[in-house]
Protein backbone atom coordinates (compact mmCIF):
# COMPACT_ATOMS: atom_id res chain seq x y z
CA UNK A 1 140.54 83.07 2.72
CA UNK A 2 140.82 84.71 -0.62
CA UNK A 3 139.36 87.73 0.71
CA UNK A 4 142.15 87.96 3.34
CA UNK A 5 144.75 87.51 0.59
CA UNK A 6 143.30 89.70 -1.36
CA UNK A 7 143.09 92.59 1.34
CA UNK A 8 146.56 91.40 2.57
CA UNK A 9 148.05 92.69 -1.25
CA UNK A 10 146.16 95.84 -0.76
CA UNK A 11 147.59 96.25 2.60
CA UNK A 12 151.15 95.73 0.65
CA UNK A 13 150.45 98.20 -1.60
CA UNK A 14 149.53 100.98 1.04
CA UNK A 15 152.41 100.37 2.99
CA UNK A 16 154.60 101.26 0.15
CA UNK A 17 152.75 104.32 -0.82
CA UNK A 18 153.10 105.42 2.82
CA UNK A 19 156.83 104.53 3.18
CA UNK A 20 157.55 106.69 -0.04
CA UNK A 21 155.66 109.69 0.94
CA UNK A 22 157.57 112.57 2.16
CA UNK A 23 156.38 114.73 5.03
CA UNK A 24 157.22 117.56 7.21
CA UNK A 25 155.66 116.43 10.20
CA UNK A 26 157.30 117.94 13.38
CA UNK A 27 157.95 116.04 16.60
CA UNK A 28 154.29 116.18 17.40
CA UNK A 29 153.24 113.90 14.37
CA UNK A 30 153.42 110.14 14.17
CA UNK A 31 156.29 108.72 12.17
CA UNK A 32 155.13 108.90 8.45
CA UNK A 33 156.61 105.31 7.79
CA UNK A 34 153.21 103.62 9.71
CA UNK A 35 149.99 103.87 7.77
CA UNK A 36 146.58 104.60 8.66
CA UNK A 37 144.84 101.65 8.65
CA UNK A 38 141.26 103.03 8.50
CA UNK A 39 139.53 103.33 5.03
CA UNK A 40 142.60 101.12 3.49
CA UNK A 41 140.13 97.82 2.49
CA UNK A 42 139.83 97.23 -1.56
CA UNK A 43 138.54 93.81 -3.58
CA UNK A 44 140.36 94.64 -6.70
CA UNK A 45 142.78 92.00 -6.74
CA UNK A 46 142.48 88.43 -7.20
CA UNK A 47 144.92 85.68 -6.01
CA UNK A 48 145.05 82.31 -4.69
CA UNK A 49 145.81 81.82 -0.94
CA UNK A 50 148.92 79.74 -1.50
CA UNK A 51 150.51 82.45 -3.46
CA UNK A 52 149.50 84.88 -0.53
CA UNK A 53 151.33 82.69 2.17
CA UNK A 54 154.35 82.50 -0.24
CA UNK A 55 155.11 85.91 -0.89
CA UNK A 56 153.16 88.01 2.08
CA UNK A 57 153.32 85.94 5.20
CA UNK A 58 155.05 88.69 7.10
CA UNK A 59 152.37 90.80 6.37
CA UNK A 60 149.50 88.77 8.37
CA UNK A 61 150.28 90.46 11.83
CA UNK A 62 150.09 93.71 10.26
CA UNK A 63 146.70 92.82 8.83
CA UNK A 64 145.06 91.59 11.92
CA UNK A 65 146.57 94.77 13.81
CA UNK A 66 144.88 96.45 11.38
CA UNK A 67 141.60 95.07 11.95
CA UNK A 68 141.72 94.84 15.44
CA UNK A 69 144.10 97.21 16.78
CA UNK A 70 143.63 100.87 15.18
CA UNK A 71 142.06 102.43 17.92
CA UNK A 72 145.00 101.34 20.13
CA UNK A 73 147.48 102.49 17.78
CA UNK A 74 145.75 106.15 17.46
CA UNK A 75 145.19 106.79 21.11
CA UNK A 76 148.80 105.96 21.64
CA UNK A 77 149.85 108.42 18.91
CA UNK A 78 147.66 110.94 20.02
CA UNK A 79 149.07 110.82 23.92
CA UNK A 80 152.42 110.94 22.46
CA UNK A 81 151.78 113.98 20.27
CA UNK A 82 150.30 116.17 23.03
CA UNK A 83 153.51 115.57 24.95
CA UNK A 84 155.58 116.40 22.05
CA UNK A 85 153.62 119.73 21.65
CA UNK A 86 154.18 120.65 25.31
CA UNK A 87 157.64 119.78 24.84
CA UNK A 88 158.11 121.97 21.66
CA UNK A 89 156.40 124.92 23.11
CA UNK A 90 158.02 124.89 26.45
CA UNK A 91 161.78 124.58 24.34
CA UNK A 92 160.47 127.55 22.39
CA UNK A 93 159.67 129.61 25.31
CA UNK A 94 163.02 129.06 27.06
CA UNK A 95 165.10 129.71 24.07
CA UNK A 96 163.30 133.16 24.40
CA UNK A 97 163.66 133.69 27.97
CA UNK A 98 167.23 132.61 27.50
CA UNK A 99 167.92 135.54 25.13
CA UNK A 100 166.04 137.74 27.15
CA UNK A 101 168.36 137.43 30.13
CA UNK A 102 171.39 137.36 28.23
CA UNK A 103 170.22 140.69 26.80
CA UNK A 104 170.13 142.36 30.35
CA UNK A 105 165.95 142.64 29.82
CA UNK A 106 164.47 141.86 33.22
CA UNK A 107 161.75 139.91 34.05
CA UNK A 108 158.33 142.04 34.30
CA UNK A 109 159.76 144.64 31.83
CA UNK A 110 158.28 143.34 28.88
CA UNK A 111 154.79 142.16 27.91
CA UNK A 112 153.65 138.86 29.47
CA UNK A 113 153.72 136.57 26.30
CA UNK A 114 152.31 132.93 25.56
CA UNK A 115 154.21 130.14 23.32
CA UNK A 116 152.33 127.34 21.93
CA UNK A 117 152.65 124.52 19.22
CA UNK A 118 149.80 124.18 16.63
CA UNK A 119 150.42 121.28 14.52
CA UNK A 120 154.09 122.04 12.66
CA UNK A 121 153.38 125.78 13.66
CA UNK A 122 155.09 127.85 16.27
CA UNK A 123 152.83 130.67 18.00
CA UNK A 124 153.80 133.56 20.22
CA UNK A 125 151.09 136.00 21.32
CA UNK A 126 150.87 138.92 23.82
CA UNK A 127 148.83 142.10 24.29
CA UNK A 128 150.22 145.35 22.72
CA UNK A 129 150.66 148.21 25.27
CA UNK A 130 148.35 150.84 24.84
CA UNK A 131 151.20 153.58 23.78
CA UNK A 132 152.76 150.88 21.27
CA UNK A 133 151.50 151.37 17.36
CA UNK A 134 151.35 148.01 15.66
CA UNK A 135 153.49 149.34 12.70
CA UNK A 136 156.08 149.83 15.25
CA UNK A 137 156.27 146.40 15.82
CA UNK A 138 155.87 145.15 12.49
CA UNK A 139 158.86 147.48 11.01
CA UNK A 140 160.99 146.43 13.71
CA UNK A 141 160.45 142.67 12.83
CA UNK A 142 161.08 143.62 9.46
CA UNK A 143 164.30 145.62 9.85
CA UNK A 144 165.68 142.44 11.60
CA UNK A 145 164.36 139.91 8.95
CA UNK A 146 164.53 141.48 5.95
CA UNK A 147 166.96 141.95 3.24
CA UNK A 148 169.11 145.19 3.76
CA UNK A 149 168.46 147.73 0.87
CA UNK A 150 171.59 149.49 0.84
CA UNK A 151 170.54 150.95 -2.85
CA UNK A 152 167.64 152.21 -1.47
CA UNK A 153 168.69 154.30 1.50
CA UNK A 154 169.10 152.13 3.84
CA UNK A 155 166.09 150.08 5.43
CA UNK A 156 165.06 146.02 5.06
CA UNK A 157 163.28 144.81 2.19
CA UNK A 158 160.22 141.89 2.60
CA UNK A 159 156.78 141.48 0.95
CA UNK A 160 153.86 142.33 2.92
CA UNK A 161 150.55 140.88 2.12
CA UNK A 162 147.45 141.70 4.09
CA UNK A 163 144.07 140.35 4.66
CA UNK A 164 140.85 142.16 6.75
CA UNK A 165 138.18 140.28 8.77
CA UNK A 166 135.72 140.48 11.43
CA UNK A 167 137.92 138.47 13.53
CA UNK A 168 141.47 139.96 13.09
CA UNK A 169 144.12 141.86 10.79
CA UNK A 170 146.21 138.87 8.94
CA UNK A 171 149.56 139.96 7.59
CA UNK A 172 152.13 137.38 6.03
CA UNK A 173 155.61 138.31 5.64
CA UNK A 174 157.78 136.88 3.00
CA UNK A 175 161.38 137.20 2.20
CA UNK A 176 162.63 138.74 -1.18
CA UNK A 177 164.61 135.42 -1.66
CA UNK A 178 161.46 133.79 -2.17
CA UNK A 179 160.49 136.00 -5.51
CA UNK A 180 161.26 135.05 -8.62
CA UNK A 181 163.52 137.17 -10.81
CA UNK A 182 161.14 139.79 -12.41
CA UNK A 183 161.69 142.15 -15.62
CA UNK A 184 160.00 145.54 -14.98
CA UNK A 185 158.22 146.32 -11.86
CA UNK A 186 155.04 144.40 -12.16
CA UNK A 187 154.74 141.97 -9.52
CA UNK A 188 151.39 139.69 -9.30
CA UNK A 189 150.73 136.58 -6.69
CA UNK A 190 151.92 134.48 -9.45
CA UNK A 191 155.43 135.55 -8.96
CA UNK A 192 155.70 134.49 -5.44
CA UNK A 193 157.30 131.23 -4.35
CA UNK A 194 154.46 129.54 -2.07
CA UNK A 195 156.01 128.57 0.87
CA UNK A 196 154.40 127.52 4.22
CA UNK A 197 157.26 128.74 6.20
CA UNK A 198 156.35 132.46 5.99
CA UNK A 199 155.42 134.69 8.78
CA UNK A 200 152.21 134.96 9.53
CA UNK A 201 150.76 138.12 11.93
CA UNK A 202 147.61 138.01 13.88
CA UNK A 203 146.30 141.29 14.98
CA UNK A 204 143.06 140.83 17.35
CA UNK A 205 140.94 143.89 18.42
CA UNK A 206 138.26 143.72 21.05
CA UNK A 207 134.82 144.24 18.96
CA UNK A 208 133.33 144.65 22.63
CA UNK A 209 134.78 147.20 25.32
CA UNK A 210 138.17 148.79 25.41
CA UNK A 211 140.63 145.72 26.16
CA UNK A 212 143.89 145.94 24.70
CA UNK A 213 145.02 144.44 21.34
CA UNK A 214 146.74 140.99 20.86
CA UNK A 215 149.19 140.38 18.37
CA UNK A 216 150.40 136.85 17.35
CA UNK A 217 153.11 135.54 14.96
CA UNK A 218 152.65 132.06 13.81
CA UNK A 219 155.98 130.47 12.24
CA UNK A 220 156.35 127.21 10.38
CA UNK A 221 158.65 124.82 12.04
CA UNK A 222 161.32 125.80 14.68
CA UNK A 223 162.05 129.24 15.40
CA UNK A 224 165.96 130.27 13.65
CA UNK A 225 168.61 132.30 15.54
CA UNK A 226 167.67 135.26 13.44
CA UNK A 227 163.61 134.71 14.10
CA UNK A 228 164.31 134.29 17.57
CA UNK A 229 166.60 137.81 18.30
CA UNK A 230 163.66 139.21 16.01
CA UNK A 231 160.80 138.20 18.08
CA UNK A 232 162.72 139.36 21.20
CA UNK A 233 163.73 142.84 19.36
CA UNK A 234 159.92 142.98 19.40
CA UNK A 235 159.30 142.15 23.15
CA UNK A 236 161.89 144.59 24.06
CA UNK A 237 160.22 147.36 22.03
CA UNK A 238 156.77 146.84 23.45
CA UNK A 239 158.13 146.69 27.09
CA UNK A 240 159.67 150.05 26.35
CA UNK A 241 156.19 151.49 25.64
CA UNK A 242 155.29 150.14 28.72
CA UNK A 243 156.96 152.92 30.73
CA UNK A 244 155.46 156.00 28.63
CA UNK A 245 153.02 157.83 30.02
CA UNK A 246 149.64 158.48 28.52
CA UNK A 247 147.98 160.27 31.43
CA UNK A 248 148.08 163.49 29.58
CA UNK A 249 146.21 162.50 27.05
CA UNK A 250 143.11 164.66 25.98
CA UNK A 251 139.74 163.02 26.70
CA UNK A 252 136.88 163.26 24.35
CA UNK A 253 134.84 166.35 24.73
CA UNK A 254 131.59 163.94 26.27
CA UNK A 255 134.03 162.32 28.82
CA UNK A 256 135.53 165.47 30.01
CA UNK A 257 132.26 166.91 30.99
CA UNK A 258 131.96 163.94 33.37
CA UNK A 259 135.48 163.31 34.63
CA UNK A 260 137.51 166.28 36.14
CA UNK A 261 140.34 167.45 33.56
CA UNK A 262 143.88 165.59 34.13
CA UNK A 263 145.60 169.01 33.69
CA UNK A 264 143.35 170.54 36.75
CA UNK A 265 144.06 167.35 39.03
CA UNK A 266 147.68 167.79 38.39
CA UNK A 267 147.97 171.56 38.96
CA UNK A 268 145.87 171.25 42.29
CA UNK A 269 148.30 168.21 43.41
CA UNK A 270 151.28 170.36 42.96
CA UNK A 271 149.73 173.29 44.43
CA UNK A 272 149.04 171.45 47.42
CA UNK A 273 152.85 170.63 47.77
CA UNK A 274 152.60 166.81 46.27
CA UNK A 275 155.88 166.27 43.90
CA UNK A 276 154.83 164.47 40.86
CA UNK A 277 157.31 161.92 39.30
CA UNK A 278 156.76 159.91 35.65
CA UNK A 279 154.99 162.77 33.78
CA UNK A 280 156.40 163.62 30.27
CA UNK A 281 160.01 164.59 32.33
CA UNK A 282 160.43 162.99 35.83
CA UNK A 283 161.68 165.78 38.14
CA UNK A 284 165.32 165.61 38.51
CA UNK A 285 165.97 163.23 35.95
CA UNK A 286 168.04 163.80 33.13
CA UNK A 287 166.99 162.73 29.64
CA UNK A 288 169.84 160.07 29.52
CA UNK A 289 169.23 158.97 33.21
CA UNK A 290 165.87 156.94 33.29
CA UNK A 291 164.84 155.25 36.29
CA UNK A 292 165.53 151.48 36.08
CA UNK A 293 166.24 148.57 38.29
CA UNK A 294 169.85 148.97 37.15
CA UNK A 295 170.17 152.35 38.91
CA UNK A 296 169.70 150.31 42.42
CA UNK A 297 172.60 147.79 43.25
CA UNK A 298 171.63 144.45 44.72
CA UNK A 299 168.46 143.86 46.31
CA UNK A 300 167.19 141.42 43.78
CA UNK A 301 165.13 139.54 46.21
CA UNK A 302 163.07 142.68 46.87
CA UNK A 303 163.26 143.64 43.23
CA UNK A 304 161.69 140.35 42.41
CA UNK A 305 159.22 140.69 45.17
CA UNK A 306 158.07 144.11 44.14
CA UNK A 307 157.62 142.92 40.38
CA UNK A 308 155.53 140.10 41.45
CA UNK A 309 153.49 142.09 44.09
CA UNK A 310 152.99 145.64 42.25
CA UNK A 311 154.51 145.56 38.74
CA UNK A 312 152.75 142.51 37.20
CA UNK A 313 149.63 143.37 38.73
CA UNK A 314 149.85 146.99 37.20
CA UNK A 315 150.36 145.54 33.79
CA UNK A 316 148.02 142.90 33.89
CA UNK A 317 145.31 143.09 36.24
CA UNK A 318 143.06 141.01 34.07
CA UNK A 319 144.94 137.78 34.84
CA UNK A 320 144.71 138.49 38.49
CA UNK A 321 140.76 139.13 38.38
CA UNK A 322 140.70 136.20 36.34
CA UNK A 323 142.24 133.97 38.65
CA UNK A 324 139.95 135.42 41.46
CA UNK A 325 136.64 135.01 39.58
CA UNK A 326 137.55 131.29 39.62
CA UNK A 327 138.81 130.67 43.35
CA UNK A 328 136.22 132.81 45.10
CA UNK A 329 132.34 132.29 45.78
CA UNK A 330 132.03 136.44 45.78
CA UNK A 331 134.28 138.19 43.50
CA UNK A 332 136.82 140.72 45.44
CA UNK A 333 140.08 141.94 43.61
CA UNK A 334 143.35 140.15 44.83
CA UNK A 335 145.24 143.09 43.43
CA UNK A 336 147.32 145.08 46.27
CA UNK A 337 145.93 148.21 47.43
CA UNK A 338 148.65 149.31 50.06
CA UNK A 339 152.50 148.00 50.53
CA UNK A 340 154.68 148.64 53.20
CA UNK A 341 158.27 149.49 52.42
CA UNK A 342 160.28 149.12 55.81
CA UNK A 343 164.18 149.28 56.45
CA UNK A 344 166.72 151.57 57.70
CA UNK A 345 167.35 155.22 55.83
CA UNK A 346 169.06 155.32 52.51
CA UNK A 347 168.36 151.55 51.31
CA UNK A 348 166.77 152.74 48.28
CA UNK A 349 162.87 152.54 49.28
CA UNK A 350 162.17 155.86 47.80
CA UNK A 351 164.17 155.00 44.74
CA UNK A 352 162.17 151.80 44.34
CA UNK A 353 159.07 153.21 44.71
CA UNK A 354 160.20 155.72 41.59
CA UNK A 355 161.47 152.61 39.58
CA UNK A 356 157.72 150.98 39.96
CA UNK A 357 156.15 154.25 38.72
CA UNK A 358 158.32 154.30 35.76
CA UNK A 359 157.93 150.58 34.33
CA UNK A 360 154.34 150.44 35.28
CA UNK A 361 153.76 154.03 33.31
CA UNK A 362 151.68 155.68 36.22
CA UNK A 363 152.60 158.76 38.06
CA UNK A 364 154.26 158.75 41.33
CA UNK A 365 152.74 161.15 43.89
CA UNK A 366 155.12 161.84 46.55
CA UNK A 367 153.62 163.62 49.40
CA UNK A 368 156.04 164.76 52.04
CA UNK A 369 154.65 165.43 55.43
CA UNK A 370 154.50 169.08 55.20
CA UNK A 371 152.28 169.06 52.63
CA UNK A 372 149.37 167.70 54.53
CA UNK A 373 150.15 169.14 57.99
CA UNK A 374 148.43 172.48 58.77
CA UNK A 375 147.78 174.34 62.18
CA UNK A 376 144.23 174.97 61.07
CA UNK A 377 141.68 172.38 62.92
CA UNK A 378 140.78 169.78 60.45
CA UNK A 379 142.62 170.80 57.57
CA UNK A 380 145.21 168.15 57.63
CA UNK A 381 142.88 165.06 57.30
CA UNK A 382 141.13 167.17 54.14
CA UNK A 383 144.35 167.70 52.61
CA UNK A 384 145.07 164.06 53.00
CA UNK A 385 141.66 162.94 51.58
CA UNK A 386 141.83 165.30 48.74
CA UNK A 387 145.18 163.84 47.68
CA UNK A 388 143.27 160.46 47.29
CA UNK A 389 140.30 162.00 45.63
CA UNK A 390 142.72 163.44 42.89
CA UNK A 391 144.73 160.59 42.71
CA UNK A 392 141.41 158.65 41.71
CA UNK A 393 140.75 160.94 38.81
CA UNK A 394 143.64 160.06 37.02
CA UNK A 395 142.61 158.03 33.96
CA UNK A 396 145.73 154.91 33.86
CA UNK A 397 145.72 155.20 38.01
CA UNK A 398 148.57 156.39 40.30
CA UNK A 399 151.02 155.36 42.90
CA UNK A 400 150.69 157.59 46.31
CA UNK A 401 153.88 157.32 48.48
CA UNK A 402 153.75 158.23 51.75
CA UNK A 403 157.15 158.54 53.10
CA UNK A 404 158.18 158.24 57.13
CA UNK A 405 154.30 157.25 57.42
CA UNK A 406 155.34 156.56 61.31
CA UNK A 407 155.61 160.63 61.55
CA UNK A 408 151.57 160.98 61.14
CA UNK A 409 150.32 157.08 62.05
CA UNK A 410 152.14 156.08 65.05
CA UNK A 411 150.41 153.82 67.56
CA UNK A 412 146.95 155.55 69.29
CA UNK A 413 147.83 156.14 72.68
CA UNK A 414 146.97 158.53 75.55
CA UNK A 415 149.90 161.12 74.45
CA UNK A 416 148.99 160.92 70.64
CA UNK A 417 148.11 164.60 69.43
CA UNK A 418 144.50 164.70 68.33
CA UNK A 419 145.36 165.88 64.64
CA UNK A 420 147.47 163.15 64.20
CA UNK A 421 144.48 160.70 65.30
CA UNK A 422 142.56 162.21 62.73
CA UNK A 423 144.97 161.80 59.89
CA UNK A 424 145.44 158.02 60.78
CA UNK A 425 141.77 157.53 60.82
CA UNK A 426 141.36 159.37 57.44
CA UNK A 427 144.31 157.17 55.99
CA UNK A 428 142.59 153.89 57.35
CA UNK A 429 139.38 154.58 55.65
CA UNK A 430 140.79 155.75 52.23
CA UNK A 431 142.67 152.68 52.10
CA UNK A 432 139.74 150.66 52.86
CA UNK A 433 137.50 152.32 50.49
CA UNK A 434 139.74 152.15 47.60
CA UNK A 435 137.42 150.77 44.47
CA UNK A 436 138.59 147.48 43.04
CA UNK A 437 138.96 148.61 39.43
CA UNK A 438 141.17 151.92 39.96
CA UNK A 439 144.99 151.24 39.51
CA UNK A 440 146.03 153.25 42.24
CA UNK A 441 148.29 151.97 44.77
CA UNK A 442 149.35 153.29 48.37
CA UNK A 443 153.29 152.57 49.24
CA UNK A 444 154.30 153.48 52.27
CA UNK A 445 157.93 153.73 53.73
CA UNK A 446 159.21 153.78 57.10
CA UNK A 447 162.14 152.94 59.49
CA UNK A 448 160.27 152.40 62.72
CA UNK A 449 157.53 149.80 62.09
CA UNK A 450 157.14 149.19 65.51
CA UNK A 451 155.67 152.58 66.14
CA UNK A 452 153.19 152.27 63.50
CA UNK A 453 149.61 151.58 64.66
CA UNK A 454 148.30 148.16 64.47
CA UNK A 455 145.35 148.81 62.46
CA UNK A 456 147.55 150.51 59.92
CA UNK A 457 149.70 147.50 59.51
CA UNK A 458 146.96 145.13 59.19
CA UNK A 459 145.80 147.08 55.92
CA UNK A 460 148.90 146.63 54.12
CA UNK A 461 148.52 143.59 51.72
CA UNK A 462 152.09 142.74 51.63
CA UNK A 463 155.32 144.15 53.54
CA UNK A 464 158.72 144.20 52.09
CA UNK A 465 161.84 144.48 54.19
CA UNK A 466 164.78 146.87 52.88
CA UNK A 467 167.78 145.79 55.44
CA UNK A 468 171.13 147.19 55.59
CA UNK A 469 173.22 145.53 52.17
CA UNK A 470 175.38 142.34 52.75
CA UNK A 471 179.08 142.35 51.59
CA UNK A 472 178.51 141.82 48.15
CA UNK A 473 176.00 144.67 47.82
CA UNK A 474 178.33 147.04 49.10
CA UNK A 475 180.77 145.69 46.72
CA UNK A 476 177.93 146.29 43.80
CA UNK A 477 176.86 149.59 45.00
CA UNK A 478 180.60 150.76 45.51
CA UNK A 479 181.24 149.56 41.88
CA UNK A 480 178.65 151.93 40.32
CA UNK A 481 180.20 155.03 42.05
CA UNK A 482 184.12 154.00 41.74
CA UNK A 483 184.04 151.93 38.50
CA UNK A 484 187.71 152.57 38.30
CA UNK A 485 188.88 150.66 41.25
CA UNK A 486 189.82 146.70 40.63
CA UNK A 487 187.85 144.16 42.10
CA UNK A 488 190.02 143.35 45.19
CA UNK A 489 189.78 147.39 45.85
CA UNK A 490 186.14 147.02 45.91
CA UNK A 491 186.33 144.22 47.68
CA UNK A 492 188.13 146.28 50.65
CA UNK A 493 186.21 149.15 49.97
CA UNK A 494 183.03 146.91 51.05
CA UNK A 495 184.77 145.44 54.26
CA UNK A 496 185.37 149.00 55.16
CA UNK A 497 181.99 150.11 54.94
CA UNK A 498 180.25 147.75 56.94
CA UNK A 499 176.93 148.50 58.52
CA UNK A 500 176.31 151.31 56.05
CA UNK A 501 173.56 152.17 53.85
CA UNK A 502 173.71 152.33 49.97
CA UNK A 503 173.01 156.00 50.71
CA UNK A 504 175.83 156.22 52.88
CA UNK A 505 178.41 154.31 50.61
CA UNK A 506 177.33 156.88 47.99
CA UNK A 507 178.14 159.85 50.01
CA UNK A 508 181.58 158.16 50.84
CA UNK A 509 182.18 158.04 47.30
CA UNK A 510 181.29 161.58 46.25
CA UNK A 511 183.35 162.59 49.27
CA UNK A 512 186.35 161.22 48.28
CA UNK A 513 185.91 162.43 44.78
CA UNK A 514 185.45 166.06 46.40
CA UNK A 515 188.55 165.63 48.41
CA UNK A 516 190.61 164.39 45.46
CA UNK A 517 189.48 167.19 43.07
CA UNK A 518 190.60 169.65 45.89
CA UNK A 519 194.05 168.01 46.04
CA UNK A 520 194.56 168.15 42.33
CA UNK A 521 193.66 171.58 42.37
CA UNK A 522 196.10 172.69 45.09
CA UNK A 523 198.86 170.70 43.48
CA UNK A 524 199.00 168.14 46.21
CA UNK A 525 198.71 165.26 43.33
CA UNK A 526 201.82 163.93 41.52
CA UNK A 527 201.34 163.80 37.75
CA UNK A 528 201.72 160.27 37.18
CA UNK A 529 199.42 159.99 33.84
CA UNK A 530 196.00 159.70 33.66
CA UNK A 531 195.04 157.05 36.48
CA UNK A 532 196.53 159.71 38.89
CA UNK A 533 193.66 162.14 38.19
CA UNK A 534 191.24 159.58 39.91
CA UNK A 535 190.86 158.79 43.46
CA UNK A 536 192.64 155.84 44.80
CA UNK A 537 191.58 153.51 47.09
CA UNK A 538 193.40 154.94 50.04
CA UNK A 539 191.05 158.12 49.48
CA UNK A 540 187.81 155.89 49.36
CA UNK A 541 189.00 153.84 52.96
CA UNK A 542 189.78 157.32 54.72
CA UNK A 543 186.20 159.07 53.70
CA UNK A 544 184.69 155.75 54.73
CA UNK A 545 186.31 155.44 58.13
CA UNK A 546 185.32 159.36 58.81
CA UNK A 547 181.90 158.45 58.16
CA UNK A 548 181.92 155.74 60.32
CA UNK A 549 182.85 157.64 63.49
CA UNK A 550 179.84 160.09 62.59
CA UNK A 551 177.71 157.12 62.37
CA UNK A 552 178.47 155.46 65.93
CA UNK A 553 178.61 159.23 67.03
CA UNK A 554 175.02 159.85 65.96
CA UNK A 555 173.45 156.18 67.09
CA UNK A 556 175.02 157.23 70.39
CA UNK A 557 173.48 160.46 70.90
CA UNK A 558 169.96 158.73 69.67
CA UNK A 559 170.49 156.19 72.51
CA UNK A 560 170.90 158.80 74.94
CA UNK A 561 168.15 160.73 73.94
CA UNK A 562 166.15 157.99 74.12
CA UNK A 563 167.17 156.57 77.76
CA UNK A 564 166.72 160.21 78.90
CA UNK A 565 163.15 160.66 77.97
CA UNK A 566 162.39 156.98 79.38
CA UNK A 567 163.63 158.45 82.97
CA UNK A 568 161.38 161.53 82.19
CA UNK A 569 158.40 159.58 81.68
CA UNK A 570 159.22 157.46 84.96
CA UNK A 571 159.88 160.38 86.88
CA UNK A 572 156.53 162.28 85.90
CA UNK A 573 154.70 159.27 86.60
């Protein structure tokens, strides 16, 4: 009993010691007021049992719990800690994603990142795009977190310390406010106030192979609003680098002897009549008119499917390959090789393909029908095969866009031209024969899916439908070309453009602008201020009505021509 009493007094002393200890424990740590009962036994006290019962009677249950229940308490803390860590990481990720959305940064336009909580520290990690310099990311982060140095020509001040090892480069950024007042210009490590809240940056480079480098930011405690803004800015900068091209970089001499010159491949493609978008300056696109999802109004569902099916697979192919290796007995890539865009003309299929190429950072090879059709026997299929061969020589891959594929890949029947039949056979073999590690994707567009050969349809990994825009999408499209109209006026314009494609609505708006400009030049517009210089709603309605009549007439003519051909076919049989 005396041993138990001595232990009880020792437990009470330890209890007070733990209660007075201050800690920065995060939500994932057990409350500091609970002691860890292991390794707390002592025999240094000597008191009577009656004194123990009088003074420390209430501690006996705690002693017994420490003797018999230590393992259960620790297990309970471990379970709760794991849940808290997951919740902390989830909360920080949601904060970052919410800020990205509020800035209009679309999902897929920035690197895929992970957020984890390690003890009391938050970690953010992502792969560095090939065209992005680490120094640019560090400079961007410093500009947001540092102290503005107005007296030194602008910029921001932060203290940078660096270490190198075989595992990673390690940087630490310290805010100038944590430095002591120093006389002179000599600064040593002893002048720095030690603070665990410094930002630690780890840069991992692959020692084997040419995998992308990774960067990890580690911060003590939750992210402040300033730090959150800085991290989002870094993600945005890295995302911008995803769209920059690297296809024209020169290879080392030993590689150029084995791989055909990139310049020669591009020259050969252009010589064949293939239009190439997405090199240094996109054809027909001004410097301030970069192709992006913002240029395509509406079609939010189709944009998301495109990102999930194509863009993310081009950005992070290793993620898709890891899943395939873990799910299949024999590895086979699950990345898409061919995708079909179907829908009426003018619904944004070609524009969508150009956005994909821009976001993925690879050139888009637009293959018009006249580029491969030839009057000489066997030449058409050789030209098509050459397009695929040259695309495979581009180091970063390419997107081959076949517009109006129904023109040379229609269903095989007795009336099919022999040249068309051979072209279709080449196309089927090329799609089937793609090497799994090549970043070449075929995107085909058609407005007559029912005319395509069934064998070709079965080759497409995904089919995305672009239908005519609904009322809301028509209103969004109209707002891009008639921003001066009020919301009720845009609603009325969307109503009169029913059954029109996005291209039709754009043409209606352009026609209204031209018509109004001619009226101004002829003096038919009264001068009633600056607003009178812009076309009113009525001008748009008149042009839309005229366009509707033309569309209905063209549809009637197509219907008559189709019935005429069917009658001739029946009579000839």
